[in-house]
């Protein structure tokens, strides 16, 4: 039983770190593509509160 709770905590921690990494990546990517810092902050905050939907929307609206 103790192993299951440890694995669950580790799983949640990995997803939290991945979530933060995606927010940082999107912020840095929007700055690198020449967007304003305000836009980059909006992207990061949007991804922070709406991770999956925000990532899909960001990938659709960014310029390649």
PDB file of N, CA and C in Angstrom:
ATOM      1  N   UNK A   1       0.814  -1.194   0.000  1.00  0.00           N
ATOM      2  CA  UNK A   1       0.000   0.000   0.000  1.00  0.00           C
ATOM      3  C   UNK A   1       0.862   1.263   0.000  1.00  0.00           C
ATOM      4  N   UNK A   2       1.979   1.211   0.697  1.00  0.00           N
ATOM      5  CA  UNK A   2       2.878   2.360   0.780  1.00  0.00           C
ATOM      6  C   UNK A   2       3.517   2.659  -0.579  1.00  0.00           C
ATOM      7  N   UNK A   3       3.808   1.610  -1.347  1.00  0.00           N
ATOM      8  CA  UNK A   3       4.413   1.779  -2.682  1.00  0.00           C
ATOM      9  C   UNK A   3       3.432   2.472  -3.615  1.00  0.00           C
ATOM     10  N   UNK A   4       2.172   2.134  -3.533  1.00  0.00           N
ATOM     11  CA  UNK A   4       1.163   2.725  -4.411  1.00  0.00           C
ATOM     12  C   UNK A   4       1.046   4.225  -4.154  1.00  0.00           C
ATOM     13  N   UNK A   5       1.055   4.626  -2.894  1.00  0.00           N
ATOM     14  CA  UNK A   5       0.951   6.056  -2.600  1.00  0.00           C
ATOM     15  C   UNK A   5       2.220   6.788  -3.028  1.00  0.00           C
ATOM     16  N   UNK A   6       3.377   6.154  -2.914  1.00  0.00           N
ATOM     17  CA  UNK A   6       4.626   6.770  -3.358  1.00  0.00           C
ATOM     18  C   UNK A   6       4.646   6.935  -4.868  1.00  0.00           C
ATOM     19  N   UNK A   7       4.192   5.924  -5.589  1.00  0.00           N
ATOM     20  CA  UNK A   7       4.123   6.005  -7.044  1.00  0.00           C
ATOM     21  C   UNK A   7       3.130   7.076  -7.468  1.00  0.00           C
ATOM     22  N   UNK A   8       2.017   7.182  -6.778  1.00  0.00           N
ATOM     23  CA  UNK A   8       1.025   8.210  -7.089  1.00  0.00           C
ATOM     24  C   UNK A   8       1.572   9.605  -6.888  1.00  0.00           C
ATOM     25  N   UNK A   9       2.289   9.824  -5.787  1.00  0.00           N
ATOM     26  CA  UNK A   9       2.896  11.134  -5.530  1.00  0.00           C
ATOM     27  C   UNK A   9       3.951  11.441  -6.579  1.00  0.00           C
ATOM     28  N   UNK A  10       4.748  10.461  -6.941  1.00  0.00           N
ATOM     29  CA  UNK A  10       5.773  10.652  -7.965  1.00  0.00           C
ATOM     30  C   UNK A  10       5.133  10.978  -9.314  1.00  0.00           C
ATOM     31  N   UNK A  11       4.047  10.312  -9.639  1.00  0.00           N
ATOM     32  CA  UNK A  11       3.320  10.552 -10.883  1.00  0.00           C
ATOM     33  C   UNK A  11       2.783  11.984 -10.936  1.00  0.00           C
ATOM     34  N   UNK A  12       2.194  12.437  -9.842  1.00  0.00           N
ATOM     35  CA  UNK A  12       1.678  13.813  -9.766  1.00  0.00           C
ATOM     36  C   UNK A  12       2.818  14.812  -9.874  1.00  0.00           C
ATOM     37  N   UNK A  13       3.924  14.545  -9.223  1.00  0.00           N
ATOM     38  CA  UNK A  13       5.080  15.442  -9.273  1.00  0.00           C
ATOM     39  C   UNK A  13       5.649  15.546 -10.682  1.00  0.00           C
ATOM     40  N   UNK A  14       5.716  14.435 -11.395  1.00  0.00           N
ATOM     41  CA  UNK A  14       6.214  14.444 -12.781  1.00  0.00           C
ATOM     42  C   UNK A  14       5.289  15.272 -13.669  1.00  0.00           C
ATOM     43  N   UNK A  15       3.982  15.115 -13.519  1.00  0.00           N
ATOM     44  CA  UNK A  15       3.049  15.897 -14.326  1.00  0.00           C
ATOM     45  C   UNK A  15       3.103  17.380 -13.987  1.00  0.00           C
ATOM     46  N   UNK A  16       3.322  17.708 -12.720  1.00  0.00           N
ATOM     47  CA  UNK A  16       3.460  19.111 -12.320  1.00  0.00           C
ATOM     48  C   UNK A  16       4.702  19.730 -12.956  1.00  0.00           C
ATOM     49  N   UNK A  17       5.816  19.037 -12.913  1.00  0.00           N
ATOM     50  CA  UNK A  17       7.054  19.542 -13.519  1.00  0.00           C
ATOM     51  C   UNK A  17       6.890  19.662 -15.030  1.00  0.00           C
ATOM     52  N   UNK A  18       6.248  18.703 -15.657  1.00  0.00           N
ATOM     53  CA  UNK A  18       5.998  18.768 -17.096  1.00  0.00           C
ATOM     54  C   UNK A  18       5.096  19.951 -17.433  1.00  0.00           C
ATOM     55  N   UNK A  19       4.105  20.211 -16.620  1.00  0.00           N
ATOM     56  CA  UNK A  19       3.186  21.340 -16.823  1.00  0.00           C
ATOM     57  C   UNK A  19       3.947  22.666 -16.761  1.00  0.00           C
ATOM     58  N   UNK A  20       4.792  22.830 -15.775  1.00  0.00           N
ATOM     59  CA  UNK A  20       5.587  24.050 -15.639  1.00  0.00           C
ATOM     60  C   UNK A  20       6.564  24.177 -16.804  1.00  0.00           C
ATOM     61  N   UNK A  21       7.163  23.071 -17.225  1.00  0.00           N
ATOM     62  CA  UNK A  21       8.094  23.101 -18.356  1.00  0.00           C
ATOM     63  C   UNK A  21       7.396  23.526 -19.645  1.00  0.00           C
ATOM     64  N   UNK A  22       6.162  23.090 -19.860  1.00  0.00           N
ATOM     65  CA  UNK A  22       5.413  23.492 -21.050  1.00  0.00           C
ATOM     66  C   UNK A  22       5.090  24.977 -21.002  1.00  0.00           C
ATOM     67  N   UNK A  23       4.746  25.489 -19.815  1.00  0.00           N
ATOM     68  CA  UNK A  23       4.483  26.929 -19.676  1.00  0.00           C
ATOM     69  C   UNK A  23       5.726  27.744 -19.986  1.00  0.00           C
ATOM     70  N   UNK A  24       6.868  27.324 -19.473  1.00  0.00           N
ATOM     71  CA  UNK A  24       8.130  28.027 -19.727  1.00  0.00           C
ATOM     72  C   UNK A  24       8.492  27.932 -21.201  1.00  0.00           C
ATOM     73  N   UNK A  25       8.314  26.756 -21.807  1.00  0.00           N
ATOM     74  CA  UNK A  25       8.630  26.598 -23.228  1.00  0.00           C
ATOM     75  C   UNK A  25       7.780  27.529 -24.094  1.00  0.00           C
ATOM     76  N   UNK A  26       6.491  27.592 -23.817  1.00  0.00           N
ATOM     77  CA  UNK A  26       5.601  28.439 -24.618  1.00  0.00           C
ATOM     78  C   UNK A  26       5.971  29.911 -24.450  1.00  0.00           C
ATOM     79  N   UNK A  27       6.314  30.327 -23.234  1.00  0.00           N
ATOM     80  CA  UNK A  27       6.730  31.708 -22.995  1.00  0.00           C
ATOM     81  C   UNK A  27       7.988  32.024 -23.805  1.00  0.00           C
ATOM     82  N   UNK A  28       8.983  31.175 -23.702  1.00  0.00           N
ATOM     83  CA  UNK A  28      10.242  31.413 -24.411  1.00  0.00           C
ATOM     84  C   UNK A  28      10.064  31.317 -25.923  1.00  0.00           C
ATOM     85  N   UNK A  29       9.188  30.426 -26.375  1.00  0.00           N
ATOM     86  CA  UNK A  29       8.935  30.276 -27.806  1.00  0.00           C
ATOM     87  C   UNK A  29       8.254  31.522 -28.368  1.00  0.00           C
ATOM     88  N   UNK A  30       7.307  32.073 -27.636  1.00  0.00           N
ATOM     89  CA  UNK A  30       6.630  33.264 -28.145  1.00  0.00           C
ATOM     90  C   UNK A  30       7.567  34.474 -28.149  1.00  0.00           C
ATOM     91  N   UNK A  31       8.455  34.571 -27.174  1.00  0.00           N
ATOM     92  CA  UNK A  31       9.451  35.652 -27.174  1.00  0.00           C
ATOM     93  C   UNK A  31      10.411  35.465 -28.349  1.00  0.00           C
ATOM     94  N   UNK A  32      10.851  34.236 -28.571  1.00  0.00           N
ATOM     95  CA  UNK A  32      11.793  33.948 -29.659  1.00  0.00           C
ATOM     96  C   UNK A  32      11.178  34.237 -31.034  1.00  0.00           C
ATOM     97  N   UNK A  33       9.883  34.068 -31.157  1.00  0.00           N
ATOM     98  CA  UNK A  33       9.214  34.326 -32.430  1.00  0.00           C
ATOM     99  C   UNK A  33       8.892  35.803 -32.640  1.00  0.00           C
ATOM    100  N   UNK A  34       9.342  36.657 -31.713  1.00  0.00           N
ATOM    101  CA  UNK A  34       9.193  38.090 -31.893  1.00  0.00           C
ATOM    102  C   UNK A  34       7.903  38.677 -31.372  1.00  0.00           C
ATOM    103  N   UNK A  35       7.176  37.914 -30.590  1.00  0.00           N
ATOM    104  CA  UNK A  35       5.937  38.442 -30.001  1.00  0.00           C
ATOM    105  C   UNK A  35       6.291  39.356 -28.832  1.00  0.00           C
ATOM    106  N   UNK A  36       5.358  40.190 -28.435  1.00  0.00           N
ATOM    107  CA  UNK A  36       5.593  41.094 -27.307  1.00  0.00           C
ATOM    108  C   UNK A  36       5.653  40.296 -26.004  1.00  0.00           C
ATOM    109  N   UNK A  37       6.257  40.893 -24.999  1.00  0.00           N
ATOM    110  CA  UNK A  37       6.351  40.208 -23.708  1.00  0.00           C
ATOM    111  C   UNK A  37       4.973  40.071 -23.058  1.00  0.00           C
ATOM    112  N   UNK A  38       4.069  41.007 -23.348  1.00  0.00           N
ATOM    113  CA  UNK A  38       2.709  40.895 -22.812  1.00  0.00           C
ATOM    114  C   UNK A  38       1.992  39.673 -23.383  1.00  0.00           C
ATOM    115  N   UNK A  39       2.167  39.457 -24.684  1.00  0.00           N
ATOM    116  CA  UNK A  39       1.571  38.278 -25.318  1.00  0.00           C
ATOM    117  C   UNK A  39       2.150  37.004 -24.721  1.00  0.00           C
ATOM    118  N   UNK A  40       3.454  37.001 -24.491  1.00  0.00           N
ATOM    119  CA  UNK A  40       4.105  35.820 -23.926  1.00  0.00           C
ATOM    120  C   UNK A  40       3.598  35.532 -22.514  1.00  0.00           C
ATOM    121  N   UNK A  41       3.361  36.569 -21.731  1.00  0.00           N
ATOM    122  CA  UNK A  41       2.837  36.377 -20.379  1.00  0.00           C
ATOM    123  C   UNK A  41       1.410  35.843 -20.433  1.00  0.00           C
ATOM    124  N   UNK A  42       0.605  36.362 -21.357  1.00  0.00           N
ATOM    125  CA  UNK A  42      -0.762  35.866 -21.513  1.00  0.00           C
ATOM    126  C   UNK A  42      -0.753  34.390 -21.904  1.00  0.00           C
ATOM    127  N   UNK A  43       0.155  34.019 -22.792  1.00  0.00           N
ATOM    128  CA  UNK A  43       0.275  32.614 -23.195  1.00  0.00           C
ATOM    129  C   UNK A  43       0.649  31.751 -21.996  1.00  0.00           C
ATOM    130  N   UNK A  44       1.635  32.186 -21.217  1.00  0.00           N
ATOM    131  CA  UNK A  44       2.074  31.402 -20.060  1.00  0.00           C
ATOM    132  C   UNK A  44       0.963  31.263 -19.021  1.00  0.00           C
ATOM    133  N   UNK A  45       0.252  32.337 -18.746  1.00  0.00           N
ATOM    134  CA  UNK A  45      -0.840  32.276 -17.769  1.00  0.00           C
ATOM    135  C   UNK A  45      -1.986  31.413 -18.303  1.00  0.00           C
ATOM    136  N   UNK A  46      -2.278  31.542 -19.591  1.00  0.00           N
ATOM    137  CA  UNK A  46      -3.315  30.697 -20.183  1.00  0.00           C
ATOM    138  C   UNK A  46      -2.972  29.225 -20.091  1.00  0.00           C
ATOM    139  N   UNK A  47      -1.715  28.898 -20.337  1.00  0.00           N
ATOM    140  CA  UNK A  47      -1.298  27.501 -20.213  1.00  0.00           C
ATOM    141  C   UNK A  47      -1.266  27.044 -18.763  1.00  0.00           C
ATOM    142  N   UNK A  48      -1.016  27.954 -17.868  1.00  0.00           N
ATOM    143  CA  UNK A  48      -0.988  27.589 -16.459  1.00  0.00           C
ATOM    144  C   UNK A  48      -2.377  27.182 -15.973  1.00  0.00           C
ATOM    145  N   UNK A  49      -3.411  27.907 -16.420  1.00  0.00           N
ATOM    146  CA  UNK A  49      -4.768  27.620 -15.952  1.00  0.00           C
ATOM    147  C   UNK A  49      -5.522  26.627 -16.838  1.00  0.00           C
ATOM    148  N   UNK A  50      -5.196  26.576 -18.127  1.00  0.00           N
ATOM    149  CA  UNK A  50      -5.860  25.661 -19.061  1.00  0.00           C
ATOM    150  C   UNK A  50      -4.791  24.888 -19.837  1.00  0.00           C
ATOM    151  N   UNK A  51      -4.172  23.890 -19.220  1.00  0.00           N
ATOM    152  CA  UNK A  51      -2.988  23.278 -19.814  1.00  0.00           C
ATOM    153  C   UNK A  51      -3.217  22.613 -21.174  1.00  0.00           C
ATOM    154  N   UNK A  52      -4.148  21.730 -21.287  1.00  0.00           N
ATOM    155  CA  UNK A  52      -4.316  20.995 -22.537  1.00  0.00           C
ATOM    156  C   UNK A  52      -4.932  21.872 -23.619  1.00  0.00           C
ATOM    157  N   UNK A  53      -6.002  22.545 -23.294  1.00  0.00           N
ATOM    158  CA  UNK A  53      -6.664  23.422 -24.268  1.00  0.00           C
ATOM    159  C   UNK A  53      -5.740  24.585 -24.651  1.00  0.00           C
ATOM    160  N   UNK A  54      -5.060  25.147 -23.663  1.00  0.00           N
ATOM    161  CA  UNK A  54      -4.141  26.252 -23.924  1.00  0.00           C
ATOM    162  C   UNK A  54      -3.003  25.853 -24.850  1.00  0.00           C
ATOM    163  N   UNK A  55      -2.462  24.663 -24.659  1.00  0.00           N
ATOM    164  CA  UNK A  55      -1.380  24.190 -25.522  1.00  0.00           C
ATOM    165  C   UNK A  55      -1.865  23.991 -26.949  1.00  0.00           C
ATOM    166  N   UNK A  56      -3.034  23.417 -27.103  1.00  0.00           N
ATOM    167  CA  UNK A  56      -3.587  23.213 -28.446  1.00  0.00           C
ATOM    168  C   UNK A  56      -3.836  24.548 -29.132  1.00  0.00           C
ATOM    169  N   UNK A  57      -4.422  25.493 -28.407  1.00  0.00           N
ATOM    170  CA  UNK A  57      -4.691  26.817 -28.982  1.00  0.00           C
ATOM    171  C   UNK A  57      -3.382  27.515 -29.339  1.00  0.00           C
ATOM    172  N   UNK A  58      -2.389  27.456 -28.449  1.00  0.00           N
ATOM    173  CA  UNK A  58      -1.113  28.104 -28.745  1.00  0.00           C
ATOM    174  C   UNK A  58      -0.451  27.494 -29.979  1.00  0.00           C
ATOM    175  N   UNK A  59      -0.483  26.190 -30.086  1.00  0.00           N
ATOM    176  CA  UNK A  59       0.123  25.546 -31.257  1.00  0.00           C
ATOM    177  C   UNK A  59      -0.598  25.906 -32.543  1.00  0.00           C
ATOM    178  N   UNK A  60      -1.893  26.197 -32.457  1.00  0.00           N
ATOM    179  CA  UNK A  60      -2.647  26.579 -33.641  1.00  0.00           C
ATOM    180  C   UNK A  60      -2.419  28.040 -34.036  1.00  0.00           C
ATOM    181  N   UNK A  61      -2.232  28.936 -33.048  1.00  0.00           N
ATOM    182  CA  UNK A  61      -2.126  30.359 -33.395  1.00  0.00           C
ATOM    183  C   UNK A  61      -0.703  30.849 -33.605  1.00  0.00           C
ATOM    184  N   UNK A  62       0.289  30.076 -33.194  1.00  0.00           N
ATOM    185  CA  UNK A  62       1.656  30.569 -33.393  1.00  0.00           C
ATOM    186  C   UNK A  62       2.027  30.489 -34.862  1.00  0.00           C
ATOM    187  N   UNK A  63       2.895  31.373 -35.268  1.00  0.00           N
ATOM    188  CA  UNK A  63       3.330  31.408 -36.670  1.00  0.00           C
ATOM    189  C   UNK A  63       4.526  30.487 -36.849  1.00  0.00           C
ATOM    190  N   UNK A  64       4.516  29.723 -37.918  1.00  0.00           N
ATOM    191  CA  UNK A  64       5.665  28.836 -38.193  1.00  0.00           C
ATOM    192  C   UNK A  64       6.639  29.476 -39.126  1.00  0.00           C
TER     193      UNK A  64
END
